[in-house]
């Protein structure tokens, strides 16, 4: 089965949210912490933003902080997997840290890099999985913005925060493997797995005479899509089966659900496994912790001790509403849109058989970095080198095309 490269069409991750501060009329309980290098202006100074202005140039402080003084964050906190912060960073700040407990125990901090001196209103996501939560008392929840010690403050600098939001899930139903896409190998009494990335494929290698298992704890699945597709190449002469597991909201994500074993091709053959979940009651809402187990199945039970070290190369994992093989679907879509040049340095052009209404550029982490109406040519000279997704919208279709910025 031939893989489509460079012009592969994707589904951009989207988010489901629990609690949001949008600063449309007030600071909404967020205020500055301490007497550092900035002042919190009244919300509305920059329309709809919480505006943080640098007020001095002293070099003694490399960071400033916000805290939420009211314990009004919904529980249970363990359900919050990510914090989304949408802001414009017109300052030298390069790191944003969420602190879940003012007493700052080990594991209570999570950080993300942010782009300094930028005029782009950008979304950043902090992974909260595994964080040590505080008691929820006043001043517990804190956002800290830090600059490098080598950079200097200036009174013209500011950060305008558009939104702060706690999220329960980040949804992604289409996984390609130019990056590992948050799939990891799981090793325990039943599974032994190593994972690597080679040539745009996720290489799954069983370790020892036990099943190999990969799992994605980062992304969730929108289960309104009912067909699971896995494009693979199986280099084993023995490992003849894949099993897909998941956790469902039907029991508050307590019990692992599993689909029946599916036979796969052997001896270096390429194939596509398709699972129909349309009649499965537990396949509903937002599915979490999707996993894939490579094993030997004798038709009745799995026999882990039979598994050999032959690798499984996974080309793509997609959940959609189409029972047709992905190769057919992708070939049909790719005729509608394409981007050139690819790779590109300063501009990309979108060629389409439809009239384009809007083009949005996303990073691979789902951050919107550029948006443009109508025109089919987009200036990308200000983007960093890397892989991006161009989301193309017409009157009756939305598709996403991957391109490379040199």
Protein backbone atom coordinates (compact mmCIF):
# COMPACT_ATOMS: atom_id res chain seq x y z
CA UNK A 1 0.00 0.00 0.00
CA UNK A 2 1.63 3.24 -1.11
CA UNK A 3 1.88 6.09 1.37
CA UNK A 4 0.95 9.62 0.29
CA UNK A 5 3.76 11.98 1.30
CA UNK A 6 3.94 15.76 1.69
CA UNK A 7 0.37 16.34 0.53
CA UNK A 8 -1.22 14.01 3.07
CA UNK A 9 -4.59 15.33 4.27
CA UNK A 10 -5.18 15.47 8.01
CA UNK A 11 -7.76 16.31 10.61
CA UNK A 12 -6.55 19.19 12.77
CA UNK A 13 -6.82 18.47 16.49
CA UNK A 14 -9.73 20.24 18.17
CA UNK A 15 -10.60 20.72 21.79
CA UNK A 16 -13.42 20.17 24.24
CA UNK A 17 -13.44 22.54 27.18
CA UNK A 18 -14.63 22.69 30.78
CA UNK A 19 -13.97 26.14 32.17
CA UNK A 20 -12.99 29.41 30.54
CA UNK A 21 -12.03 32.96 31.47
CA UNK A 22 -12.45 35.26 28.44
CA UNK A 23 -11.89 38.67 30.13
CA UNK A 24 -14.67 40.36 28.19
CA UNK A 25 -15.79 42.53 31.12
CA UNK A 26 -13.39 42.06 34.04
CA UNK A 27 -10.21 40.38 35.25
CA UNK A 28 -12.43 37.48 36.43
CA UNK A 29 -10.50 36.84 39.67
CA UNK A 30 -7.06 36.79 38.01
CA UNK A 31 -4.65 39.39 39.36
CA UNK A 32 -0.92 40.00 39.65
CA UNK A 33 1.11 38.24 42.31
CA UNK A 34 3.66 40.27 44.24
CA UNK A 35 5.13 43.64 43.25
CA UNK A 36 7.21 42.57 40.28
CA UNK A 37 7.89 44.14 36.94
CA UNK A 38 4.38 44.81 35.68
CA UNK A 39 0.89 46.08 36.38
CA UNK A 40 -2.45 44.43 35.57
CA UNK A 41 -4.53 47.03 33.76
CA UNK A 42 -8.31 46.93 33.89
CA UNK A 43 -9.73 44.37 31.46
CA UNK A 44 -10.81 46.28 28.38
CA UNK A 45 -7.66 48.43 28.16
CA UNK A 46 -6.93 46.12 25.30
CA UNK A 47 -10.43 45.06 24.22
CA UNK A 48 -11.37 41.72 25.72
CA UNK A 49 -7.87 41.04 27.08
CA UNK A 50 -6.17 40.86 30.45
CA UNK A 51 -3.32 43.25 29.75
CA UNK A 52 0.04 42.86 31.54
CA UNK A 53 2.34 45.85 31.01
CA UNK A 54 6.02 45.94 31.98
CA UNK A 55 6.53 48.96 34.24
CA UNK A 56 10.27 48.93 34.91
CA UNK A 57 13.66 47.87 33.55
CA UNK A 58 15.37 46.46 36.65
CA UNK A 59 17.32 43.24 36.03
CA UNK A 60 16.60 41.73 39.46
CA UNK A 61 13.35 40.06 38.35
CA UNK A 62 13.25 37.67 35.39
CA UNK A 63 9.57 36.76 35.75
CA UNK A 64 6.11 38.00 36.72
CA UNK A 65 3.08 36.03 37.87
CA UNK A 66 -0.71 35.93 37.78
CA UNK A 67 -2.80 34.13 40.36
CA UNK A 68 -6.46 33.26 40.69
CA UNK A 69 -7.57 34.42 44.14
CA UNK A 70 -10.92 32.64 44.16
CA UNK A 71 -11.28 28.88 44.54
CA UNK A 72 -13.89 28.49 41.78
CA UNK A 73 -12.32 25.86 39.53
CA UNK A 74 -14.66 22.94 39.04
CA UNK A 75 -13.76 19.53 40.45
CA UNK A 76 -12.61 16.82 40.17
CA UNK A 77 -9.36 18.47 39.12
CA UNK A 78 -7.94 15.19 37.83
CA UNK A 79 -10.28 15.51 34.81
CA UNK A 80 -8.43 18.62 33.62
CA UNK A 81 -5.85 17.34 31.17
CA UNK A 82 -4.70 20.61 29.56
CA UNK A 83 -4.60 24.34 30.12
CA UNK A 84 -5.10 26.52 27.04
CA UNK A 85 -3.82 30.10 27.15
CA UNK A 86 -4.43 32.39 24.17
CA UNK A 87 -2.24 35.48 24.23
CA UNK A 88 -0.17 38.02 22.35
CA UNK A 89 3.38 38.11 23.72
CA UNK A 90 4.90 41.46 22.84
CA UNK A 91 7.71 40.99 25.35
CA UNK A 92 10.97 39.08 25.87
CA UNK A 93 9.19 36.35 27.88
CA UNK A 94 9.97 32.87 26.51
CA UNK A 95 8.48 30.49 29.12
CA UNK A 96 4.98 30.18 30.62
CA UNK A 97 4.54 27.97 33.71
CA UNK A 98 1.35 26.80 35.40
CA UNK A 99 1.66 26.24 39.16
CA UNK A 100 -1.12 24.12 40.64
CA UNK A 101 -0.13 24.66 44.29
CA UNK A 102 1.28 27.81 45.89
CA UNK A 103 3.42 25.70 48.23
CA UNK A 104 5.19 24.44 45.08
CA UNK A 105 5.69 20.72 45.82
CA UNK A 106 7.53 18.52 43.32
CA UNK A 107 5.32 17.82 40.32
CA UNK A 108 3.08 20.89 40.74
CA UNK A 109 4.66 22.85 37.87
CA UNK A 110 4.23 22.42 34.12
CA UNK A 111 5.84 24.74 31.54
CA UNK A 112 5.67 25.52 27.83
CA UNK A 113 7.84 27.67 25.57
CA UNK A 114 6.16 30.72 24.04
CA UNK A 115 7.31 32.93 21.16
CA UNK A 116 8.79 36.28 22.30
CA UNK A 117 8.26 39.66 20.61
CA UNK A 118 5.32 38.46 18.55
CA UNK A 119 2.26 40.35 17.28
CA UNK A 120 0.35 37.10 16.63
CA UNK A 121 -2.47 36.11 18.98
CA UNK A 122 -1.41 32.51 19.64
CA UNK A 123 -2.85 29.56 21.56
CA UNK A 124 -0.51 27.60 23.84
CA UNK A 125 -1.31 24.31 25.59
CA UNK A 126 0.15 23.08 28.89
CA UNK A 127 -0.17 19.35 29.52
CA UNK A 128 -1.62 18.89 33.02
CA UNK A 129 -1.63 15.09 33.06
CA UNK A 130 0.18 13.80 36.15
CA UNK A 131 0.41 17.20 37.82
CA UNK A 132 0.29 17.51 41.64
CA UNK A 133 -2.82 19.54 42.44
CA UNK A 134 -3.11 21.79 45.50
CA UNK A 135 -6.02 22.12 47.87
CA UNK A 136 -7.82 24.79 45.82
CA UNK A 137 -7.35 27.55 48.43
CA UNK A 138 -6.91 31.22 47.49
CA UNK A 139 -3.78 31.93 45.49
CA UNK A 140 -3.20 28.30 44.57
CA UNK A 141 -3.45 28.58 40.78
CA UNK A 142 -0.69 30.62 39.20
CA UNK A 143 0.65 31.50 35.75
CA UNK A 144 4.28 32.57 35.68
CA UNK A 145 5.90 34.31 32.68
CA UNK A 146 9.70 34.19 32.57
CA UNK A 147 12.34 35.76 30.34
CA UNK A 148 15.94 34.57 29.83
CA UNK A 149 18.43 36.25 32.12
CA UNK A 150 20.24 37.63 29.07
CA UNK A 151 17.18 39.55 27.80
CA UNK A 152 16.14 43.01 29.01
CA UNK A 153 12.78 44.41 30.09
CA UNK A 154 11.43 47.55 28.43
CA UNK A 155 8.38 49.61 29.38
CA UNK A 156 6.98 49.16 25.88
CA UNK A 157 6.62 45.40 26.46
CA UNK A 158 3.33 43.71 27.33
CA UNK A 159 1.41 40.43 27.30
CA UNK A 160 -2.28 40.56 26.33
CA UNK A 161 -4.13 37.43 27.52
CA UNK A 162 -7.23 36.73 25.47
CA UNK A 163 -8.42 33.52 27.16
CA UNK A 164 -7.45 31.04 29.87
CA UNK A 165 -9.20 27.68 29.76
CA UNK A 166 -9.04 24.35 31.56
CA UNK A 167 -9.79 21.48 29.18
CA UNK A 168 -10.84 17.90 29.65
CA UNK A 169 -9.78 16.56 26.23
CA UNK A 170 -7.78 17.35 23.13
CA UNK A 171 -9.42 15.53 20.21
CA UNK A 172 -7.45 14.10 17.33
CA UNK A 173 -8.90 11.44 15.03
CA UNK A 174 -6.11 11.36 12.43
CA UNK A 175 -2.57 10.32 13.36
CA UNK A 176 0.38 10.34 10.98
CA UNK A 177 3.94 9.66 11.96
CA UNK A 178 6.22 12.44 10.79
CA UNK A 179 6.35 12.77 14.58
CA UNK A 180 5.53 10.08 17.14
CA UNK A 181 2.28 11.94 17.78
CA UNK A 182 2.29 11.05 21.50
CA UNK A 183 2.13 7.28 20.94
CA UNK A 184 4.37 5.42 23.39
CA UNK A 185 5.22 1.81 24.08
CA UNK A 186 3.90 0.23 27.26
CA UNK A 187 5.92 -2.29 29.24
CA UNK A 188 4.43 -4.27 32.11
CA UNK A 189 3.77 -7.92 33.01
CA UNK A 190 1.73 -8.41 29.82
CA UNK A 191 3.41 -6.07 27.33
CA UNK A 192 6.95 -5.27 26.28
CA UNK A 193 7.41 -2.67 23.57
CA UNK A 194 9.92 -0.26 22.11
CA UNK A 195 8.81 2.50 19.75
CA UNK A 196 10.83 4.44 17.17
CA UNK A 197 10.19 6.67 14.18
CA UNK A 198 11.70 5.81 10.80
CA UNK A 199 10.76 7.29 7.43
CA UNK A 200 7.38 8.62 8.52
CA UNK A 201 6.33 5.34 10.13
CA UNK A 202 5.91 4.34 13.76
CA UNK A 203 8.03 1.21 14.29
CA UNK A 204 6.63 -1.06 17.02
CA UNK A 205 9.03 -3.76 18.27
CA UNK A 206 8.01 -6.50 20.76
CA UNK A 207 10.57 -7.00 23.54
CA UNK A 208 10.69 -10.53 24.84
CA UNK A 209 8.04 -13.22 24.55
CA UNK A 210 5.07 -10.94 25.39
CA UNK A 211 2.59 -8.77 23.54
CA UNK A 212 3.62 -5.38 22.16
CA UNK A 213 1.33 -2.45 23.05
CA UNK A 214 1.27 1.21 22.06
CA UNK A 215 -0.99 3.74 23.77
CA UNK A 216 -1.88 7.42 23.36
CA UNK A 217 -2.67 9.13 26.68
CA UNK A 218 -2.42 12.64 25.22
CA UNK A 219 -5.11 12.76 22.54
CA UNK A 220 -8.73 11.66 22.90
CA UNK A 221 -11.05 10.43 20.13
CA UNK A 222 -14.36 11.93 19.03
CA UNK A 223 -16.48 8.78 18.92
CA UNK A 224 -19.08 10.26 16.58
CA UNK A 225 -16.67 8.78 14.02
CA UNK A 226 -17.27 5.02 13.92
CA UNK A 227 -14.56 3.40 11.76
CA UNK A 228 -11.01 2.78 13.00
CA UNK A 229 -8.37 2.46 10.26
CA UNK A 230 -4.79 1.28 10.78
CA UNK A 231 -2.44 1.20 7.79
CA UNK A 232 0.48 -1.11 8.52
CA UNK A 233 3.32 -3.31 7.30
CA UNK A 234 3.89 -6.47 9.36
CA UNK A 235 7.48 -7.77 9.21
CA UNK A 236 6.80 -10.75 11.49
CA UNK A 237 6.21 -14.33 10.40
CA UNK A 238 4.29 -15.03 13.64
CA UNK A 239 2.51 -11.95 15.05
CA UNK A 240 -0.83 -12.27 13.28
CA UNK A 241 -3.26 -10.07 15.21
CA UNK A 242 -4.06 -6.53 16.37
CA UNK A 243 -6.40 -5.67 19.24
CA UNK A 244 -7.67 -2.12 19.89
CA UNK A 245 -8.52 -1.02 23.47
CA UNK A 246 -10.10 2.19 24.81
CA UNK A 247 -11.73 3.85 27.81
CA UNK A 248 -15.28 5.22 27.51
CA UNK A 249 -17.28 7.92 29.35
CA UNK A 250 -20.09 5.39 29.84
CA UNK A 251 -18.42 4.25 33.08
CA UNK A 252 -16.39 7.41 33.83
CA UNK A 253 -13.32 5.90 32.14
CA UNK A 254 -12.89 3.23 34.80
CA UNK A 255 -12.88 -0.05 32.82
CA UNK A 256 -10.82 -0.75 29.71
CA UNK A 257 -12.97 -1.80 26.75
CA UNK A 258 -11.62 -3.91 23.89
CA UNK A 259 -12.53 -4.81 20.33
CA UNK A 260 -12.16 -8.41 19.13
CA UNK A 261 -8.80 -9.47 17.71
CA UNK A 262 -8.34 -8.67 14.03
CA UNK A 263 -6.08 -10.83 11.83
CA UNK A 264 -3.35 -9.01 9.92
CA UNK A 265 -1.06 -9.97 7.03
CA UNK A 266 2.39 -11.52 7.68
CA UNK A 267 5.87 -11.70 6.13
CA UNK A 268 6.41 -8.04 5.21
CA UNK A 269 2.98 -7.57 3.65
CA UNK A 270 1.22 -4.19 3.75
CA UNK A 271 -2.42 -3.89 4.68
CA UNK A 272 -5.17 -1.84 6.26
CA UNK A 273 -7.20 -3.01 9.23
CA UNK A 274 -10.70 -1.49 9.56
CA UNK A 275 -12.86 -1.84 12.70
CA UNK A 276 -16.57 -0.98 12.58
CA UNK A 277 -17.64 0.52 15.94
CA UNK A 278 -21.03 1.76 14.72
CA UNK A 279 -23.00 -0.77 16.81
CA UNK A 280 -20.81 -0.61 19.95
CA UNK A 281 -22.69 1.22 22.78
CA UNK A 282 -19.49 2.14 24.67
CA UNK A 283 -18.00 3.83 21.60
CA UNK A 284 -19.54 7.23 22.40
CA UNK A 285 -18.59 10.71 23.56
CA UNK A 286 -14.86 11.34 23.95
CA UNK A 287 -12.84 8.13 23.98
CA UNK A 288 -9.60 8.19 25.97
CA UNK A 289 -6.39 6.11 26.11
CA UNK A 290 -6.72 4.43 22.73
CA UNK A 291 -4.22 1.57 22.52
CA UNK A 292 -3.18 -1.04 19.96
CA UNK A 293 -1.86 -4.47 20.96
CA UNK A 294 0.23 -6.59 18.59
CA UNK A 295 -0.03 -10.29 19.47
CA UNK A 296 -0.41 -13.89 18.28
CA UNK A 297 -4.04 -15.11 18.23
CA UNK A 298 -4.83 -18.78 17.72
CA UNK A 299 -8.48 -18.16 16.90
CA UNK A 300 -9.66 -18.61 20.50
CA UNK A 301 -7.13 -16.90 22.80
CA UNK A 302 -3.97 -14.81 22.58
CA UNK A 303 -0.69 -16.67 23.11
CA UNK A 304 1.81 -13.98 24.18
CA UNK A 305 4.75 -16.36 24.52
CA UNK A 306 4.54 -17.06 20.79
CA UNK A 307 5.14 -13.41 19.83
CA UNK A 308 8.48 -12.82 18.12
CA UNK A 309 10.55 -9.64 17.69
CA UNK A 310 9.29 -8.91 14.16
CA UNK A 311 8.43 -5.22 13.79
CA UNK A 312 5.11 -3.65 12.92
CA UNK A 313 5.35 -0.45 10.85
CA UNK A 314 2.30 1.78 11.35
CA UNK A 315 1.80 4.31 8.58
CA UNK A 316 -1.38 6.00 9.81
CA UNK A 317 -4.17 5.59 12.39
CA UNK A 318 -7.45 7.29 11.49
CA UNK A 319 -10.93 7.28 13.01
CA UNK A 320 -13.57 8.52 10.56
CA UNK A 321 -17.09 7.81 9.30
CA UNK A 322 -16.05 6.06 6.11
CA UNK A 323 -15.81 2.28 5.80
CA UNK A 324 -13.75 2.59 2.59
CA UNK A 325 -9.98 2.04 2.79
CA UNK A 326 -7.99 5.20 3.52
CA UNK A 327 -6.02 4.90 0.31
CA UNK A 328 -9.21 5.42 -1.72
CA UNK A 329 -10.46 8.29 0.45
CA UNK A 330 -7.13 10.16 0.45
CA UNK A 331 -6.66 9.86 -3.30
CA UNK A 332 -10.10 11.39 -3.88
CA UNK A 333 -9.46 14.31 -1.51
CA UNK A 334 -5.99 15.09 -2.73
CA UNK A 335 -7.35 15.93 -6.19
CA UNK A 336 -9.35 18.83 -4.71
CA UNK A 337 -6.48 20.79 -3.12
CA UNK A 338 -2.72 20.97 -3.20
CA UNK A 339 -0.06 23.35 -1.91
CA UNK A 340 3.00 24.49 -3.84
CA UNK A 341 5.90 24.93 -3.58
CA UNK A 342 6.42 22.26 -0.97
CA UNK A 343 8.80 22.75 0.83
CA UNK A 344 8.35 26.56 0.71
CA UNK A 345 10.39 29.46 2.03
CA UNK A 346 8.41 32.72 1.76
CA UNK A 347 5.00 31.98 0.23
CA UNK A 348 2.70 29.05 -0.40
CA UNK A 349 -0.03 28.89 -3.03
CA UNK A 350 -3.16 26.77 -2.65
CA UNK A 351 -4.45 25.28 -5.88
CA UNK A 352 -8.10 24.24 -5.73
CA UNK A 353 -10.93 23.21 -8.01
CA UNK A 354 -13.24 25.11 -5.61
CA UNK A 355 -13.46 28.79 -4.65
CA UNK A 356 -11.42 29.29 -1.47
CA UNK A 357 -13.06 31.28 1.33
CA UNK A 358 -10.43 31.01 4.06
CA UNK A 359 -7.01 29.50 4.76
CA UNK A 360 -5.69 28.91 8.30
CA UNK A 361 -2.16 27.76 9.16
CA UNK A 362 -1.68 25.51 12.21
CA UNK A 363 1.39 24.07 13.88
CA UNK A 364 1.47 20.30 14.41
CA UNK A 365 0.46 20.89 18.05
CA UNK A 366 -2.78 22.51 16.88
CA UNK A 367 -1.82 26.17 17.43
CA UNK A 368 -3.37 28.63 14.95
CA UNK A 369 -0.44 30.75 13.71
CA UNK A 370 -1.93 32.52 10.68
CA UNK A 371 -5.35 33.14 9.12
CA UNK A 372 -6.19 34.66 5.75
CA UNK A 373 -9.47 35.24 3.94
CA UNK A 374 -10.15 34.54 0.24
CA UNK A 375 -6.62 34.72 -1.22
CA UNK A 376 -4.94 31.50 -2.33
CA UNK A 377 -1.39 32.77 -1.63
CA UNK A 378 -0.10 33.11 1.92
CA UNK A 379 3.04 34.81 3.19
CA UNK A 380 4.86 32.38 5.52
CA UNK A 381 8.20 34.20 5.75
CA UNK A 382 7.61 34.97 9.44
CA UNK A 383 7.08 31.32 10.42
CA UNK A 384 9.82 29.17 11.92
CA UNK A 385 11.12 26.25 9.88
CA UNK A 386 9.11 23.07 10.33
CA UNK A 387 5.96 21.18 9.35
CA UNK A 388 2.61 23.02 9.27
CA UNK A 389 -1.00 22.29 8.34
CA UNK A 390 -2.95 24.51 5.92
CA UNK A 391 -6.68 24.26 6.66
CA UNK A 392 -8.54 25.21 3.46
CA UNK A 393 -12.21 26.21 3.68
CA UNK A 394 -14.64 26.46 0.76
CA UNK A 395 -18.41 26.90 0.73
CA UNK A 396 -19.07 23.18 1.29
CA UNK A 397 -15.75 21.57 2.22
CA UNK A 398 -12.94 21.87 4.76
CA UNK A 399 -9.69 19.98 4.17
CA UNK A 400 -6.22 20.19 5.66
CA UNK A 401 -2.94 19.92 3.77
CA UNK A 402 0.49 19.41 5.25
CA UNK A 403 3.43 21.52 4.02
CA UNK A 404 7.04 22.18 5.04
CA UNK A 405 8.44 25.65 5.80
CA UNK A 406 12.16 25.78 4.99
